[in-house]
Protein backbone atom coordinates (compact mmCIF):
# COMPACT_ATOMS: atom_id res chain seq x y z
CA UNK A 1 -1.05 -18.03 6.84
CA UNK A 2 -0.43 -14.45 5.62
CA UNK A 3 -2.02 -11.60 7.54
CA UNK A 4 -2.23 -7.81 7.53
CA UNK A 5 -0.29 -6.27 10.41
CA UNK A 6 0.94 -2.85 11.36
CA UNK A 7 4.58 -2.40 10.26
CA UNK A 8 6.92 -4.45 12.43
CA UNK A 9 10.65 -4.98 12.87
CA UNK A 10 10.11 -8.76 13.02
CA UNK A 11 10.30 -8.92 9.20
CA UNK A 12 13.51 -6.86 8.89
CA UNK A 13 15.59 -9.37 6.91
CA UNK A 14 12.74 -10.32 4.58
CA UNK A 15 11.79 -6.67 4.09
CA UNK A 16 15.34 -5.91 2.93
CA UNK A 17 15.15 -8.75 0.44
CA UNK A 18 11.81 -7.49 -0.86
CA UNK A 19 13.17 -3.97 -1.29
CA UNK A 20 16.11 -5.39 -3.28
CA UNK A 21 13.55 -7.06 -5.56
CA UNK A 22 11.70 -3.77 -6.08
CA UNK A 23 15.01 -2.00 -6.88
CA UNK A 24 15.95 -4.72 -9.39
CA UNK A 25 12.54 -4.35 -10.99
CA UNK A 26 12.94 -0.58 -11.26
CA UNK A 27 10.01 0.29 -8.98
CA UNK A 28 8.76 3.84 -9.37
CA UNK A 29 5.72 5.98 -8.63
CA UNK A 30 4.68 4.10 -5.50
CA UNK A 31 4.97 4.39 -1.75
CA UNK A 32 7.52 1.58 -1.81
CA UNK A 33 9.65 3.42 -4.39
CA UNK A 34 9.59 6.54 -2.19
CA UNK A 35 10.60 4.49 0.84
CA UNK A 36 13.56 3.09 -1.09
CA UNK A 37 14.63 6.51 -2.35
CA UNK A 38 14.56 8.13 1.10
CA UNK A 39 15.45 5.33 3.51
CA UNK A 40 17.19 2.39 1.86
CA UNK A 41 20.81 3.04 2.83
CA UNK A 42 20.00 3.11 6.55
CA UNK A 43 17.74 0.06 6.64
CA UNK A 44 20.63 -2.34 7.22
CA UNK A 45 21.00 -0.95 10.75
CA UNK A 46 18.29 -2.46 13.01
CA UNK A 47 17.91 0.79 14.98
CA UNK A 48 17.41 2.81 11.79
CA UNK A 49 14.92 0.23 10.54
CA UNK A 50 13.01 0.48 13.83
CA UNK A 51 12.90 4.28 13.45
CA UNK A 52 11.55 3.84 9.91
CA UNK A 53 8.87 1.38 11.10
CA UNK A 54 7.73 3.78 13.82
CA UNK A 55 7.58 6.65 11.32
CA UNK A 56 5.42 4.60 8.94
CA UNK A 57 3.03 3.78 11.78
CA UNK A 58 2.97 7.42 12.93
CA UNK A 59 1.88 8.57 9.46
CA UNK A 60 -1.64 7.44 10.41
CA UNK A 61 -1.82 10.05 13.18
CA UNK A 62 -3.68 13.22 12.24
CA UNK A 63 -1.22 15.49 14.04
CA UNK A 64 1.90 13.82 12.64
CA UNK A 65 4.03 16.30 10.64
CA UNK A 66 3.93 15.63 6.91
CA UNK A 67 4.44 17.51 3.64
CA UNK A 68 1.45 19.65 2.61
CA UNK A 69 0.56 17.29 -0.24
CA UNK A 70 0.42 14.18 2.00
CA UNK A 71 -2.65 13.00 3.90
CA UNK A 72 -2.82 10.75 6.97
CA UNK A 73 -2.21 7.18 5.86
CA UNK A 74 -2.51 3.83 7.61
CA UNK A 75 0.00 1.38 6.18
CA UNK A 76 -0.36 -2.35 6.74
CA UNK A 77 2.14 -5.01 5.85
CA UNK A 78 1.17 -8.38 4.43
CA UNK A 79 3.35 -10.90 6.22
CA UNK A 80 3.59 -14.62 6.70
CA UNK A 81 5.44 -15.12 9.97
CA UNK A 82 8.73 -13.31 9.43
CA UNK A 83 8.27 -13.07 5.64
CA UNK A 84 7.36 -9.67 4.22
CA UNK A 85 5.09 -10.17 1.20
CA UNK A 86 3.78 -6.68 0.48
CA UNK A 87 2.16 -3.52 1.75
CA UNK A 88 -1.15 -1.74 1.46
CA UNK A 89 -1.76 1.93 2.24
CA UNK A 90 -5.11 3.37 3.25
CA UNK A 91 -5.18 7.12 2.77
CA UNK A 92 -7.69 8.63 5.16
CA UNK A 93 -8.79 11.46 2.85
CA UNK A 94 -8.40 12.44 -0.78
CA UNK A 95 -6.59 15.52 -2.02
CA UNK A 96 -6.80 16.55 -5.69
CA UNK A 97 -3.93 14.26 -6.73
CA UNK A 98 -5.34 11.24 -4.91
CA UNK A 99 -8.80 11.88 -6.34
CA UNK A 100 -7.41 11.79 -9.88
CA UNK A 101 -4.57 9.30 -9.63
CA UNK A 102 -3.78 7.66 -6.30
CA UNK A 103 -7.07 6.83 -4.61
CA UNK A 104 -7.70 5.86 -1.01
CA UNK A 105 -5.89 2.54 -1.28
CA UNK A 106 -2.61 1.59 -2.92
CA UNK A 107 -0.74 -1.69 -2.65
CA UNK A 108 2.13 -3.71 -3.99
CA UNK A 109 3.37 -7.26 -3.62
CA UNK A 110 7.05 -8.16 -3.69
CA UNK A 111 7.95 -9.27 -7.21
CA UNK A 112 8.82 -12.90 -6.39
CA UNK A 113 5.45 -13.43 -4.65
CA UNK A 114 3.11 -12.06 -7.30
CA UNK A 115 0.38 -14.10 -8.98
CA UNK A 116 -0.27 -16.03 -5.76
CA UNK A 117 -3.46 -14.19 -4.73
CA UNK A 118 -1.76 -11.90 -2.23
CA UNK A 119 -3.02 -8.61 -3.69
CA UNK A 120 -6.61 -9.87 -3.71
CA UNK A 121 -6.35 -11.03 -0.10
CA UNK A 122 -4.64 -7.79 0.98
CA UNK A 123 -7.31 -5.58 -0.60
CA UNK A 124 -10.14 -7.63 0.88
CA UNK A 125 -8.45 -7.54 4.29
CA UNK A 126 -7.90 -3.78 4.13
CA UNK A 127 -11.50 -2.88 3.32
CA UNK A 128 -12.72 -3.24 6.95
CA UNK A 129 -9.83 -1.00 8.07
CA UNK A 130 -10.96 1.60 5.51
CA UNK A 131 -14.56 1.29 6.69
CA UNK A 132 -13.42 1.84 10.30
CA UNK A 133 -11.74 5.05 9.12
CA UNK A 134 -15.08 6.25 7.72
CA UNK A 135 -14.24 5.50 4.08
CA UNK A 136 -17.11 3.97 2.06
CA UNK A 137 -16.71 3.48 -0.78
CA UNK A 138 -12.94 3.55 -1.28
CA UNK A 139 -11.36 4.87 -4.45
CA UNK A 140 -8.80 2.39 -5.81
CA UNK A 141 -6.87 3.14 -8.98
CA UNK A 142 -4.54 1.22 -11.25
CA UNK A 143 -2.79 1.66 -14.55
CA UNK A 144 -5.12 1.07 -17.48
CA UNK A 145 -2.90 -1.76 -18.75
CA UNK A 146 -2.37 -3.50 -15.37
CA UNK A 147 -4.53 -6.57 -15.92
CA UNK A 148 -3.55 -8.09 -12.57
CA UNK A 149 -4.72 -5.06 -10.57
CA UNK A 150 -7.85 -4.71 -12.66
CA UNK A 151 -8.78 -8.28 -11.71
CA UNK A 152 -7.90 -7.66 -8.04
CA UNK A 153 -10.07 -4.54 -7.83
CA UNK A 154 -12.97 -6.08 -9.70
CA UNK A 155 -12.81 -9.19 -7.46
CA UNK A 156 -13.38 -6.79 -4.53
CA UNK A 157 -16.59 -5.56 -6.23
CA UNK A 158 -14.91 -2.44 -7.58
CA UNK A 159 -17.03 -0.47 -10.04
CA UNK A 160 -15.07 1.48 -12.62
CA UNK A 161 -16.04 5.15 -12.78
CA UNK A 162 -13.68 6.26 -15.55
CA UNK A 163 -10.17 6.35 -16.95
CA UNK A 164 -8.16 9.52 -16.41
CA UNK A 165 -5.01 9.58 -18.46
CA UNK A 166 -3.46 6.16 -17.88
CA UNK A 167 -5.35 5.46 -14.60
CA UNK A 168 -8.53 3.44 -14.16
CA UNK A 169 -10.58 4.69 -11.19
CA UNK A 170 -12.76 2.24 -9.28
CA UNK A 171 -15.06 2.68 -6.28
CA UNK A 172 -14.93 -0.32 -3.95
CA UNK A 173 -17.53 -0.79 -1.21
CA UNK A 174 -16.08 -1.18 2.28
CA UNK A 175 -19.33 -1.75 4.18
CA UNK A 176 -20.49 -5.14 5.36
């Protein structure tokens, strides 16, 4: 049964396979694409992968060094045993860019595991985490033509506020 977990080295092999899928797909403009761009060559080495995992977890800490345009972010991985299925990021605050484009929550599912309900389950599972971070409601955005994400967000009771450029902006309640 898939579950949301903090990043872990136990999915190393599957994670590498998922990243290969994202590269083959031409992933861009996402947290996963940035990970690939900055870390991919070293991931083969278990020690380098462990360093990467610890850095992703540390990004949630308020005092962790980060570029000026980044905000603290809790990243959770959607895994089934040792199988990496996707990731979801909960950004603790919104800067101007996130308010317009990125939102509080962003997610992706590895290409070969899409259309199986994983994104819907991940978003629903992440909402209590967001609530515990003091986020309610959460801004979740998607491309205006991404029918799959539109359905995922609306299934989580997202209410569309507007479309800015090519991005739909939804507010999703996190409270119980």
